[in-house]
Amino acid sequence: MILTDVRDYLKSRGQAPLRDMALTFGMEQDALRPLLEQWIAKGKVIKMPQGTTCGGGCSSCAPQTIEIYQWVD
């Protein structure tokens, strides 16, 4: 797993829940957060406020438990 994989994933989707990224990359969420933090430090990713929904419309997750990250161009 490298930073460019995270970049490409988020750029193509605009935003994504941490849980989905962890499943996609076959990683634990705790292992993925440091990679996201590097993009946050570069000003390319923002962590959306708690309670933000993923926009999928399924409402099967409690918004308070979802971490959503967004790519910023």
PDB file of N, CA and C in Angstrom:
ATOM      1  N   MET A   1       0.853  -1.171   0.000  1.00  0.00           N
ATOM      2  CA  MET A   1       0.000   0.000   0.000  1.00  0.00           C
ATOM      3  C   MET A   1       0.895   1.229   0.000  1.00  0.00           C
ATOM      4  N   ILE A   2       0.665   2.090  -0.942  1.00  0.00           N
ATOM      5  CA  ILE A   2       1.452   3.311  -1.000  1.00  0.00           C
ATOM      6  C   ILE A   2       0.532   4.520  -1.081  1.00  0.00           C
ATOM      7  N   LEU A   3       1.113   5.659  -0.835  1.00  0.00           N
ATOM      8  CA  LEU A   3       0.328   6.896  -0.819  1.00  0.00           C
ATOM      9  C   LEU A   3      -0.418   7.147  -2.120  1.00  0.00           C
ATOM     10  N   THR A   4       0.187   6.791  -3.231  1.00  0.00           N
ATOM     11  CA  THR A   4      -0.474   7.054  -4.512  1.00  0.00           C
ATOM     12  C   THR A   4      -1.743   6.223  -4.684  1.00  0.00           C
ATOM     13  N   ASP A   5      -1.802   5.053  -4.078  1.00  0.00           N
ATOM     14  CA  ASP A   5      -3.022   4.245  -4.138  1.00  0.00           C
ATOM     15  C   ASP A   5      -4.169   4.961  -3.422  1.00  0.00           C
ATOM     16  N   VAL A   6      -3.855   5.519  -2.260  1.00  0.00           N
ATOM     17  CA  VAL A   6      -4.870   6.274  -1.514  1.00  0.00           C
ATOM     18  C   VAL A   6      -5.292   7.495  -2.311  1.00  0.00           C
ATOM     19  N   ARG A   7      -4.314   8.198  -2.871  1.00  0.00           N
ATOM     20  CA  ARG A   7      -4.611   9.380  -3.683  1.00  0.00           C
ATOM     21  C   ARG A   7      -5.538   9.032  -4.839  1.00  0.00           C
ATOM     22  N   ASP A   8      -5.177   8.019  -5.587  1.00  0.00           N
ATOM     23  CA  ASP A   8      -5.972   7.638  -6.758  1.00  0.00           C
ATOM     24  C   ASP A   8      -7.387   7.223  -6.376  1.00  0.00           C
ATOM     25  N   TYR A   9      -7.498   6.492  -5.295  1.00  0.00           N
ATOM     26  CA  TYR A   9      -8.812   6.037  -4.826  1.00  0.00           C
ATOM     27  C   TYR A   9      -9.694   7.227  -4.470  1.00  0.00           C
ATOM     28  N   LEU A  10      -9.150   8.141  -3.674  1.00  0.00           N
ATOM     29  CA  LEU A  10      -9.949   9.293  -3.249  1.00  0.00           C
ATOM     30  C   LEU A  10     -10.220  10.265  -4.399  1.00  0.00           C
ATOM     31  N   LYS A  11      -9.251  10.462  -5.264  1.00  0.00           N
ATOM     32  CA  LYS A  11      -9.457  11.361  -6.406  1.00  0.00           C
ATOM     33  C   LYS A  11     -10.568  10.837  -7.315  1.00  0.00           C
ATOM     34  N   SER A  12     -10.615   9.545  -7.503  1.00  0.00           N
ATOM     35  CA  SER A  12     -11.624   8.978  -8.405  1.00  0.00           C
ATOM     36  C   SER A  12     -13.028   9.011  -7.796  1.00  0.00           C
ATOM     37  N   ARG A  13     -13.113   9.000  -6.475  1.00  0.00           N
ATOM     38  CA  ARG A  13     -14.414   8.975  -5.810  1.00  0.00           C
ATOM     39  C   ARG A  13     -14.822  10.320  -5.212  1.00  0.00           C
ATOM     40  N   GLY A  14     -13.859  11.191  -5.009  1.00  0.00           N
ATOM     41  CA  GLY A  14     -14.152  12.474  -4.384  1.00  0.00           C
ATOM     42  C   GLY A  14     -14.097  12.380  -2.874  1.00  0.00           C
ATOM     43  N   GLN A  15     -14.829  11.442  -2.331  1.00  0.00           N
ATOM     44  CA  GLN A  15     -14.781  11.177  -0.899  1.00  0.00           C
ATOM     45  C   GLN A  15     -15.119   9.715  -0.663  1.00  0.00           C
ATOM     46  N   ALA A  16     -14.697   9.209   0.498  1.00  0.00           N
ATOM     47  CA  ALA A  16     -14.956   7.800   0.813  1.00  0.00           C
ATOM     48  C   ALA A  16     -14.865   7.578   2.317  1.00  0.00           C
ATOM     49  N   PRO A  17     -15.689   6.668   2.823  1.00  0.00           N
ATOM     50  CA  PRO A  17     -15.574   6.284   4.235  1.00  0.00           C
ATOM     51  C   PRO A  17     -14.304   5.467   4.469  1.00  0.00           C
ATOM     52  N   LEU A  18     -13.716   5.648   5.620  1.00  0.00           N
ATOM     53  CA  LEU A  18     -12.515   4.899   5.983  1.00  0.00           C
ATOM     54  C   LEU A  18     -12.769   3.401   5.903  1.00  0.00           C
ATOM     55  N   ARG A  19     -13.924   2.982   6.331  1.00  0.00           N
ATOM     56  CA  ARG A  19     -14.253   1.546   6.312  1.00  0.00           C
ATOM     57  C   ARG A  19     -14.189   0.980   4.897  1.00  0.00           C
ATOM     58  N   ASP A  20     -14.706   1.716   3.924  1.00  0.00           N
ATOM     59  CA  ASP A  20     -14.661   1.249   2.536  1.00  0.00           C
ATOM     60  C   ASP A  20     -13.235   1.176   2.011  1.00  0.00           C
ATOM     61  N   MET A  21     -12.428   2.190   2.365  1.00  0.00           N
ATOM     62  CA  MET A  21     -11.036   2.174   1.919  1.00  0.00           C
ATOM     63  C   MET A  21     -10.288   0.996   2.527  1.00  0.00           C
ATOM     64  N   ALA A  22     -10.540   0.722   3.802  1.00  0.00           N
ATOM     65  CA  ALA A  22      -9.876  -0.399   4.465  1.00  0.00           C
ATOM     66  C   ALA A  22     -10.248  -1.723   3.800  1.00  0.00           C
ATOM     67  N   LEU A  23     -11.505  -1.875   3.457  1.00  0.00           N
ATOM     68  CA  LEU A  23     -11.932  -3.100   2.765  1.00  0.00           C
ATOM     69  C   LEU A  23     -11.315  -3.201   1.377  1.00  0.00           C
ATOM     70  N   THR A  24     -11.292  -2.096   0.662  1.00  0.00           N
ATOM     71  CA  THR A  24     -10.735  -2.078  -0.696  1.00  0.00           C
ATOM     72  C   THR A  24      -9.265  -2.456  -0.696  1.00  0.00           C
ATOM     73  N   PHE A  25      -8.507  -1.901   0.249  1.00  0.00           N
ATOM     74  CA  PHE A  25      -7.066  -2.136   0.285  1.00  0.00           C
ATOM     75  C   PHE A  25      -6.662  -3.327   1.151  1.00  0.00           C
ATOM     76  N   GLY A  26      -7.625  -3.976   1.792  1.00  0.00           N
ATOM     77  CA  GLY A  26      -7.315  -5.133   2.630  1.00  0.00           C
ATOM     78  C   GLY A  26      -6.453  -4.771   3.823  1.00  0.00           C
ATOM     79  N   MET A  27      -6.762  -3.614   4.433  1.00  0.00           N
ATOM     80  CA  MET A  27      -5.978  -3.119   5.562  1.00  0.00           C
ATOM     81  C   MET A  27      -6.885  -2.838   6.743  1.00  0.00           C
ATOM     82  N   GLU A  28      -6.297  -2.815   7.911  1.00  0.00           N
ATOM     83  CA  GLU A  28      -7.013  -2.360   9.093  1.00  0.00           C
ATOM     84  C   GLU A  28      -7.164  -0.845   8.999  1.00  0.00           C
ATOM     85  N   GLN A  29      -8.244  -0.328   9.544  1.00  0.00           N
ATOM     86  CA  GLN A  29      -8.467   1.111   9.521  1.00  0.00           C
ATOM     87  C   GLN A  29      -7.333   1.858  10.220  1.00  0.00           C
ATOM     88  N   ASP A  30      -6.839   1.309  11.313  1.00  0.00           N
ATOM     89  CA  ASP A  30      -5.750   1.954  12.055  1.00  0.00           C
ATOM     90  C   ASP A  30      -4.458   2.024  11.236  1.00  0.00           C
ATOM     91  N   ALA A  31      -4.260   1.103  10.319  1.00  0.00           N
ATOM     92  CA  ALA A  31      -3.067   1.130   9.461  1.00  0.00           C
ATOM     93  C   ALA A  31      -3.225   2.134   8.322  1.00  0.00           C
ATOM     94  N   LEU A  32      -4.446   2.406   7.943  1.00  0.00           N
ATOM     95  CA  LEU A  32      -4.715   3.326   6.841  1.00  0.00           C
ATOM     96  C   LEU A  32      -4.689   4.794   7.276  1.00  0.00           C
ATOM     97  N   ARG A  33      -5.027   5.053   8.522  1.00  0.00           N
ATOM     98  CA  ARG A  33      -5.092   6.446   9.010  1.00  0.00           C
ATOM     99  C   ARG A  33      -3.778   7.214   8.843  1.00  0.00           C
ATOM    100  N   PRO A  34      -2.613   6.630   9.134  1.00  0.00           N
ATOM    101  CA  PRO A  34      -1.368   7.392   8.946  1.00  0.00           C
ATOM    102  C   PRO A  34      -1.139   7.826   7.491  1.00  0.00           C
ATOM    103  N   LEU A  35      -1.564   7.013   6.547  1.00  0.00           N
ATOM    104  CA  LEU A  35      -1.437   7.393   5.137  1.00  0.00           C
ATOM    105  C   LEU A  35      -2.342   8.579   4.826  1.00  0.00           C
ATOM    106  N   LEU A  36      -3.554   8.538   5.343  1.00  0.00           N
ATOM    107  CA  LEU A  36      -4.477   9.651   5.152  1.00  0.00           C
ATOM    108  C   LEU A  36      -3.961  10.912   5.835  1.00  0.00           C
ATOM    109  N   GLU A  37      -3.346  10.747   7.009  1.00  0.00           N
ATOM    110  CA  GLU A  37      -2.787  11.892   7.724  1.00  0.00           C
ATOM    111  C   GLU A  37      -1.691  12.576   6.922  1.00  0.00           C
ATOM    112  N   GLN A  38      -0.932  11.805   6.160  1.00  0.00           N
ATOM    113  CA  GLN A  38       0.100  12.407   5.319  1.00  0.00           C
ATOM    114  C   GLN A  38      -0.522  13.291   4.245  1.00  0.00           C
ATOM    115  N   TRP A  39      -1.624  12.829   3.646  1.00  0.00           N
ATOM    116  CA  TRP A  39      -2.312  13.642   2.633  1.00  0.00           C
ATOM    117  C   TRP A  39      -2.988  14.849   3.281  1.00  0.00           C
ATOM    118  N   ILE A  40      -3.474  14.683   4.494  1.00  0.00           N
ATOM    119  CA  ILE A  40      -4.064  15.819   5.214  1.00  0.00           C
ATOM    120  C   ILE A  40      -2.991  16.877   5.457  1.00  0.00           C
ATOM    121  N   ALA A  41      -1.804  16.448   5.883  1.00  0.00           N
ATOM    122  CA  ALA A  41      -0.705  17.377   6.153  1.00  0.00           C
ATOM    123  C   ALA A  41      -0.286  18.134   4.887  1.00  0.00           C
ATOM    124  N   LYS A  42      -0.451  17.497   3.727  1.00  0.00           N
ATOM    125  CA  LYS A  42      -0.112  18.139   2.450  1.00  0.00           C
ATOM    126  C   LYS A  42      -1.248  19.014   1.931  1.00  0.00           C
ATOM    127  N   GLY A  43      -2.371  19.008   2.641  1.00  0.00           N
ATOM    128  CA  GLY A  43      -3.501  19.836   2.237  1.00  0.00           C
ATOM    129  C   GLY A  43      -4.326  19.257   1.099  1.00  0.00           C
ATOM    130  N   LYS A  44      -4.185  17.975   0.846  1.00  0.00           N
ATOM    131  CA  LYS A  44      -4.899  17.337  -0.262  1.00  0.00           C
ATOM    132  C   LYS A  44      -6.124  16.552   0.176  1.00  0.00           C
ATOM    133  N   VAL A  45      -6.211  16.236   1.450  1.00  0.00           N
ATOM    134  CA  VAL A  45      -7.337  15.464   1.987  1.00  0.00           C
ATOM    135  C   VAL A  45      -7.849  16.177   3.235  1.00  0.00           C
ATOM    136  N   ILE A  46      -9.156  16.138   3.397  1.00  0.00           N
ATOM    137  CA  ILE A  46      -9.750  16.619   4.646  1.00  0.00           C
ATOM    138  C   ILE A  46     -10.602  15.508   5.234  1.00  0.00           C
ATOM    139  N   LYS A  47     -10.624  15.475   6.558  1.00  0.00           N
ATOM    140  CA  LYS A  47     -11.516  14.547   7.258  1.00  0.00           C
ATOM    141  C   LYS A  47     -12.818  15.301   7.478  1.00  0.00           C
ATOM    142  N   MET A  48     -13.906  14.737   7.005  1.00  0.00           N
ATOM    143  CA  MET A  48     -15.201  15.386   7.107  1.00  0.00           C
ATOM    144  C   MET A  48     -15.665  15.366   8.565  1.00  0.00           C
ATOM    145  N   PRO A  49     -16.472  16.347   8.959  1.00  0.00           N
ATOM    146  CA  PRO A  49     -16.951  16.404  10.345  1.00  0.00           C
ATOM    147  C   PRO A  49     -17.745  15.149  10.726  1.00  0.00           C
ATOM    148  N   GLN A  50     -17.651  14.787  11.991  1.00  0.00           N
ATOM    149  CA  GLN A  50     -18.403  13.639  12.483  1.00  0.00           C
ATOM    150  C   GLN A  50     -19.891  13.865  12.227  1.00  0.00           C
ATOM    151  N   GLY A  51     -20.565  12.841  11.778  1.00  0.00           N
ATOM    152  CA  GLY A  51     -21.984  12.943  11.467  1.00  0.00           C
ATOM    153  C   GLY A  51     -22.263  13.148   9.987  1.00  0.00           C
ATOM    154  N   THR A  52     -21.196  13.388   9.197  1.00  0.00           N
ATOM    155  CA  THR A  52     -21.355  13.516   7.753  1.00  0.00           C
ATOM    156  C   THR A  52     -21.719  12.147   7.192  1.00  0.00           C
ATOM    157  N   THR A  53     -22.694  12.109   6.310  1.00  0.00           N
ATOM    158  CA  THR A  53     -23.074  10.826   5.705  1.00  0.00           C
ATOM    159  C   THR A  53     -22.265  10.608   4.434  1.00  0.00           C
ATOM    160  N   CYS A  54     -22.163   9.361   4.037  1.00  0.00           N
ATOM    161  CA  CYS A  54     -21.352   9.023   2.871  1.00  0.00           C
ATOM    162  C   CYS A  54     -22.069   9.338   1.562  1.00  0.00           C
ATOM    163  N   GLY A  55     -23.348   9.617   1.620  1.00  0.00           N
ATOM    164  CA  GLY A  55     -24.078   9.962   0.408  1.00  0.00           C
ATOM    165  C   GLY A  55     -24.573   8.770  -0.383  1.00  0.00           C
ATOM    166  N   GLY A  56     -24.360   7.571   0.159  1.00  0.00           N
ATOM    167  CA  GLY A  56     -24.802   6.374  -0.536  1.00  0.00           C
ATOM    168  C   GLY A  56     -26.294   6.140  -0.448  1.00  0.00           C
ATOM    169  N   GLY A  57     -26.940   6.817   0.483  1.00  0.00           N
ATOM    170  CA  GLY A  57     -28.377   6.707   0.622  1.00  0.00           C
ATOM    171  C   GLY A  57     -28.877   5.448   1.299  1.00  0.00           C
ATOM    172  N   CYS A  58     -27.966   4.598   1.776  1.00  0.00           N
ATOM    173  CA  CYS A  58     -28.416   3.331   2.348  1.00  0.00           C
ATOM    174  C   CYS A  58     -28.858   3.473   3.806  1.00  0.00           C
ATOM    175  N   SER A  59     -28.310   4.414   4.528  1.00  0.00           N
ATOM    176  CA  SER A  59     -28.599   4.672   5.948  1.00  0.00           C
ATOM    177  C   SER A  59     -28.455   3.447   6.844  1.00  0.00           C
ATOM    178  N   SER A  60     -27.573   2.521   6.477  1.00  0.00           N
ATOM    179  CA  SER A  60     -27.373   1.342   7.312  1.00  0.00           C
ATOM    180  C   SER A  60     -26.307   1.561   8.388  1.00  0.00           C
ATOM    181  N   CYS A  61     -25.588   2.661   8.309  1.00  0.00           N
ATOM    182  CA  CYS A  61     -24.566   2.984   9.307  1.00  0.00           C
ATOM    183  C   CYS A  61     -25.007   4.199  10.110  1.00  0.00           C
ATOM    184  N   ALA A  62     -24.628   4.217  11.352  1.00  0.00           N
ATOM    185  CA  ALA A  62     -24.870   5.396  12.180  1.00  0.00           C
ATOM    186  C   ALA A  62     -23.854   6.460  11.774  1.00  0.00           C
ATOM    187  N   PRO A  63     -24.302   7.642  11.361  1.00  0.00           N
ATOM    188  CA  PRO A  63     -23.368   8.679  10.901  1.00  0.00           C
ATOM    189  C   PRO A  63     -22.273   9.017  11.909  1.00  0.00           C
ATOM    190  N   GLN A  64     -22.545   8.854  13.200  1.00  0.00           N
ATOM    191  CA  GLN A  64     -21.552   9.162  14.216  1.00  0.00           C
ATOM    192  C   GLN A  64     -20.372   8.186  14.201  1.00  0.00           C
ATOM    193  N   THR A  65     -20.544   7.034  13.575  1.00  0.00           N
ATOM    194  CA  THR A  65     -19.491   6.018  13.572  1.00  0.00           C
ATOM    195  C   THR A  65     -18.691   5.996  12.281  1.00  0.00           C
ATOM    196  N   ILE A  66     -19.020   6.856  11.335  1.00  0.00           N
ATOM    197  CA  ILE A  66     -18.377   6.836  10.023  1.00  0.00           C
ATOM    198  C   ILE A  66     -17.314   7.927   9.947  1.00  0.00           C
ATOM    199  N   GLU A  67     -16.123   7.543   9.502  1.00  0.00           N
ATOM    200  CA  GLU A  67     -15.064   8.514   9.210  1.00  0.00           C
ATOM    201  C   GLU A  67     -15.018   8.664   7.708  1.00  0.00           C
ATOM    202  N   ILE A  68     -15.268   9.872   7.226  1.00  0.00           N
ATOM    203  CA  ILE A  68     -15.259  10.115   5.784  1.00  0.00           C
ATOM    204  C   ILE A  68     -14.131  11.071   5.457  1.00  0.00           C
ATOM    205  N   TYR A  69     -13.380  10.732   4.410  1.00  0.00           N
ATOM    206  CA  TYR A  69     -12.271  11.558   3.955  1.00  0.00           C
ATOM    207  C   TYR A  69     -12.584  12.036   2.542  1.00  0.00           C
ATOM    208  N   GLN A  70     -12.185  13.280   2.259  1.00  0.00           N
ATOM    209  CA  GLN A  70     -12.472  13.876   0.960  1.00  0.00           C
ATOM    210  C   GLN A  70     -11.193  14.399   0.334  1.00  0.00           C
ATOM    211  N   TRP A  71     -11.038  14.139  -0.972  1.00  0.00           N
ATOM    212  CA  TRP A  71      -9.911  14.672  -1.714  1.00  0.00           C
ATOM    213  C   TRP A  71     -10.183  16.128  -2.055  1.00  0.00           C
ATOM    214  N   VAL A  72      -9.181  16.977  -1.892  1.00  0.00           N
ATOM    215  CA  VAL A  72      -9.328  18.402  -2.177  1.00  0.00           C
ATOM    216  C   VAL A  72      -8.327  18.778  -3.257  1.00  0.00           C
ATOM    217  N   ASP A  73      -8.818  19.292  -4.372  1.00  0.00           N
ATOM    218  CA  ASP A  73      -7.893  19.736  -5.453  1.00  0.00           C
ATOM    219  C   ASP A  73      -7.575  21.192  -5.326  1.00  0.00           C
TER     220      ASP A  73
END
